[in-house]
Amino acid sequence: MPDKKTLIRQAAKPFLFLLTFTFICAFLAHYLTGQETLLDYARENPELAYGAEAAPAETQTDTVKPAPAETKPDTVKPAPTETKPDTAPVTPDKSPSYAESESKETEDTTAMPISPERVTYEEGFYYEPLNDLVKERITGISYPESGCTVPYEDLAYVGLLYFDFDGHSQNGELICNKAIAQDMVEIFYELYRNEYQLERVRLIDEYDGDDTASMADNNTSCFNYRVVDGTTNLSKHAYGLAIDVNPYYNPYVVFNKNGDGETYISPPGSEVYADRSQDFAYKIDASDLCYRLFTEHGFTWGGNWNSTKDYQHFQKALP
């Protein structure tokens, strides 16, 4: 009688043959027909073939390939920057006025020292002797380098505020005879308090001492060592005892200047304002606040002269 091991081997032979035959058929069916086999189906649908909790490990741990990383160029070029010309455009040189520099004294006190002799009437309205910076600005322009008979010590620098034609508060500056400096701060303070408009109040040195250019720009100014227009006589401006206010709207008019009946009007372009019968803005007449203030302080008005009318002009004689 065959032993137990022999019987097991004999029983297993048909089973092994059947299993081998099944795999061979499956292999041939897959590769010869391209059809999905039961094994393929089981791998792709483990929950149906084996049950959800008994899925083969390999079906749960299929290798997942990471998404390809974004490729970058070997060299990253920076974005082009805005090109600038080698030379910056030239803008007109507008140096700040002394008044503008003085208003920034807290930023640079060494640039514009406050004189110990400064007299302040109200905030923004003061006068003081000419310092070295002011002397440097005016020497050779409104103050001749030689031949000037008025010493620096007779002049005063006046700082003031005014309202321009746009209604904005501005810093202004004047140089006048020290004898009328107190008058100036008092008058201009009242003009400012009443919002009287002045187009600009700058030293005439900003116009190279050219009185006509200053008038044409409607600049209110005082000291300028010069002669009366058309004469050899020193003007009251040469002593710092006269001031021209809003001159473009209040021109200088000379009747029968050359004996030929013609009328001379300065500055050019202001002819229409020589007709004082007309009403217009910035006109100085006997009802104007500017006229009232200057005459109350002892100034005479050029608009009251006879053969000449200087509607912009106020002057005061030394006591």
Foldseek 3Di string as FASTA:
>chain_A
DDDPVVVVVVVCVVVVVVVVVVVVVQVCCCVVVVDQDPVNVCLVCVCVVPNPVPRDPCSVPPDDDDDDDDDDDPDDDDDDDDDDDPDDDDDDDDDDAPQVVVVCCVVPVPVPPDDPQWDAPDVQWIKDQDDPVNCVLPDVFLNDVDDQPADSRQKMKIWHWAQAPVRDIDIAIAIAGPLCSVLVSVLRVVCRVVRPHQHGHYECVVVSLDPQVCLVSQYKYAAGFDADPPDRHTDLSPRRFKIFTSDLLFWKWAACPVVPGDIDTTDPPSVVSVPVVDDDPPFDDPVDSSNVSLVVVPWDAQCPDDRIRRRRMTGHDDD
